[in-house]
Protein backbone atom coordinates (compact mmCIF):
# COMPACT_ATOMS: atom_id res chain seq x y z
CA PHE A 1 50.56 -25.53 -29.73
CA TYR A 2 50.42 -28.69 -27.72
CA GLN A 3 51.87 -32.10 -28.61
CA GLY A 4 50.71 -35.00 -26.50
CA MET A 5 51.53 -38.67 -26.60
CA LEU A 6 50.61 -41.79 -24.75
CA SER A 7 52.56 -44.99 -24.33
CA TRP A 8 50.13 -47.90 -23.95
CA VAL A 9 51.33 -51.51 -23.96
CA THR A 10 48.43 -53.70 -22.78
CA ASP A 11 45.44 -53.44 -20.48
CA SER A 12 47.51 -54.78 -17.57
CA PHE A 13 50.36 -52.24 -17.58
CA PHE A 14 50.61 -48.63 -16.51
CA CYS A 15 50.33 -46.11 -19.32
CA GLY A 16 52.69 -43.19 -19.75
CA GLY A 17 51.54 -39.79 -20.91
CA ALA A 18 53.58 -36.76 -21.91
CA TRP A 19 53.03 -33.39 -23.53
CA ILE A 20 55.02 -30.41 -24.72
CA ILE A 21 53.64 -26.93 -25.21
CA ARG A 22 55.42 -24.84 -27.84
CA ASN A 23 55.08 -21.20 -28.77
CA HIS A 24 54.49 -19.89 -32.29
CA GLU A 25 58.22 -20.27 -33.09
CA GLY A 26 58.37 -23.93 -32.04
CA ASN A 27 60.23 -23.32 -28.79
CA ALA A 28 59.23 -25.52 -25.83
CA LEU A 29 57.54 -23.58 -23.03
CA PHE A 30 56.54 -26.47 -20.75
CA HIS A 31 56.58 -30.24 -20.76
CA ALA A 32 55.11 -32.86 -18.47
CA ARG A 33 54.99 -36.60 -17.88
CA ASP A 34 52.60 -38.77 -15.88
CA ALA A 35 51.76 -42.42 -15.31
CA PHE A 36 48.18 -43.66 -15.58
CA VAL A 37 46.50 -46.75 -14.24
CA PRO A 38 45.92 -49.50 -16.82
CA HIS A 39 43.14 -48.94 -19.37
CA ILE A 40 41.10 -51.41 -21.40
CA ASN A 41 42.58 -50.18 -24.69
CA ARG A 42 44.55 -47.42 -26.35
CA ILE A 43 41.50 -45.24 -27.07
CA SER A 44 40.51 -45.13 -23.40
CA ALA A 45 44.10 -44.43 -22.40
CA GLU A 46 44.44 -41.64 -25.00
CA LEU A 47 41.22 -39.99 -23.82
CA SER A 48 42.48 -40.04 -20.21
CA CYS A 49 45.73 -38.51 -21.38
CA ILE A 50 43.90 -35.74 -23.26
CA LEU A 51 41.78 -34.98 -20.20
CA TRP A 52 44.93 -34.78 -18.05
CA CYS A 53 46.52 -32.49 -20.62
CA LEU A 54 43.51 -30.14 -20.79
CA ARG A 55 43.43 -29.90 -17.00
CA SER A 56 47.16 -29.18 -16.97
CA LEU A 57 46.76 -26.46 -19.60
CA LYS A 58 43.99 -24.89 -17.54
CA ASP A 59 46.21 -24.95 -14.44
CA LEU A 60 48.86 -23.11 -16.45
CA HIS A 61 46.24 -20.57 -17.63
CA ILE A 62 46.72 -21.66 -21.25
CA MET A 63 43.15 -21.46 -22.43
CA SER A 64 43.53 -21.92 -26.20
CA CYS A 65 45.64 -24.37 -28.16
CA GLU A 66 45.82 -26.95 -30.90
CA VAL A 67 45.90 -30.53 -29.63
CA TRP A 68 47.69 -32.98 -31.93
CA THR A 69 47.35 -36.74 -31.67
CA ASP A 70 48.30 -39.67 -33.89
CA CYS A 71 45.24 -41.74 -32.92
CA ASN A 72 42.58 -41.51 -35.63
CA ALA A 73 39.92 -43.23 -33.46
CA VAL A 74 40.36 -40.70 -30.67
CA LEU A 75 39.95 -37.84 -33.11
CA ALA A 76 36.78 -39.45 -34.48
CA ALA A 77 35.41 -39.91 -30.94
CA LEU A 78 36.12 -36.26 -30.09
CA GLU A 79 34.40 -35.11 -33.28
CA SER A 80 31.31 -37.33 -32.84
CA PRO A 81 31.04 -38.33 -29.18
CA LEU A 82 27.49 -39.71 -29.49
CA GLU A 83 28.80 -42.35 -31.90
CA TRP A 84 31.24 -43.63 -29.26
CA PRO A 85 29.00 -44.63 -26.30
CA LYS A 86 31.65 -46.90 -24.77
CA TYR A 87 33.72 -43.78 -23.99
CA ARG A 88 30.82 -41.49 -23.04
CA ALA A 89 32.03 -40.76 -19.49
CA GLN A 90 35.53 -39.84 -20.67
CA LEU A 91 34.26 -37.78 -23.61
CA ASP A 92 31.79 -35.93 -21.37
CA LYS A 93 34.66 -34.97 -19.03
CA ILE A 94 36.72 -33.70 -21.96
CA ILE A 95 33.76 -31.69 -23.31
CA GLN A 96 33.16 -30.24 -19.85
CA GLU A 97 36.84 -29.27 -19.53
CA LYS A 98 36.78 -27.65 -22.99
CA CYS A 99 33.73 -25.56 -22.05
CA GLY A 100 35.74 -23.67 -19.47
CA MET A 101 38.49 -22.88 -21.97
CA GLY A 102 38.94 -20.83 -25.13
CA GLU A 103 39.56 -22.23 -28.58
CA ILE A 104 40.68 -25.87 -28.37
CA SER A 105 41.02 -27.73 -31.65
CA PHE A 106 42.01 -31.35 -32.23
CA HIS A 107 44.16 -32.47 -35.16
CA LEU A 108 45.63 -35.68 -36.51
CA SER A 109 49.37 -35.86 -37.05
CA SER A 110 51.89 -38.47 -38.03
CA THR A 111 53.58 -40.66 -35.45
CA LYS A 112 56.94 -39.25 -36.57
CA ALA A 113 55.81 -35.77 -35.56
CA HIS A 114 55.47 -37.04 -32.00
CA SER A 115 58.78 -38.88 -31.66
CA LEU A 116 60.14 -36.63 -28.92
CA VAL A 117 56.96 -36.67 -26.85
CA ARG A 118 56.67 -40.42 -27.41
CA GLU A 119 60.17 -40.83 -25.97
CA ILE A 120 59.11 -39.02 -22.79
CA ALA A 121 55.86 -41.01 -22.48
CA SER A 122 57.67 -44.29 -23.17
CA SER A 123 59.98 -43.68 -20.22
CA VAL A 124 57.01 -44.72 -18.04
CA THR A 125 56.28 -48.04 -19.75
CA ARG A 126 59.85 -48.85 -20.80
CA ASP A 127 61.81 -47.67 -17.75
CA GLY A 128 59.13 -47.78 -15.04
CA ARG A 129 59.39 -44.05 -14.31
CA LEU A 130 56.09 -43.54 -12.49
CA THR A 131 56.89 -40.13 -11.03
CA SER A 132 54.90 -37.35 -12.64
CA TYR A 133 56.35 -33.90 -13.22
CA LEU A 134 55.81 -30.55 -14.93
CA ALA A 135 58.80 -28.48 -16.01
CA LEU A 136 59.66 -25.28 -17.84
CA GLY A 137 61.10 -25.72 -21.31
CA GLY A 138 61.95 -29.13 -22.66
CA PRO A 139 63.61 -32.10 -20.97
CA ALA A 140 67.36 -31.65 -20.51
CA TRP A 141 68.07 -35.28 -21.47
CA LEU A 142 66.47 -34.68 -24.88
CA GLN A 143 67.57 -31.08 -25.48
CA GLU A 144 69.35 -31.71 -28.78
CA ARG A 145 66.36 -33.61 -30.18
CA LEU A 146 64.02 -30.90 -28.90
CA ILE A 147 65.86 -28.28 -30.95
CA LEU A 148 65.83 -30.47 -34.08
CA ASP A 149 62.17 -31.34 -33.49
CA SER A 150 61.19 -27.68 -33.24
CA HIS A 151 62.76 -26.98 -36.64
CA TRP A 152 60.95 -29.94 -38.25
CA SER A 153 57.63 -29.02 -36.63
CA TRP A 154 57.70 -25.54 -38.09
CA LYS A 155 58.70 -26.51 -41.62
CA GLY A 156 55.45 -28.27 -42.47
CA HIS A 157 56.49 -31.80 -41.50
CA PHE A 158 53.29 -32.48 -39.54
CA GLY A 159 51.80 -34.74 -42.18
CA LEU A 160 48.34 -36.15 -41.62
CA ILE A 161 47.90 -39.91 -41.58
CA GLY A 162 44.98 -42.27 -41.03
């Protein structure tokens, strides 16, 4: 499954995005980080991050996955795009990207479930790390947390929140 996270501060700062793809046992297969131009709000930034993630998955020939986010509004927009006209262009791009893929499902998770991915994404906004990258496995600087996180993820600790 895929875990993605965005670090958005205000509409005048770069956003940081990160994702980790795990196998059925919770082991990290790939992870990535990128910086995005400023967005008007968190919803717009999250949608851009999801689009980037779907394109990345496609590049890696991963055509089916579960996408988890902690942003309830983004999930609502993905479920009912016609009710979110302000984000129509972004939602249309996501829908178009999904059409060329297999089963993609979106789910709401707790912020705690994303703590590791949030740490990677926050390195953009907190530390000014604007260099994007894609790597095998998990980040070496967070290896211990990655192992602990994989155990938590697979023991039912992905609680849903609003």
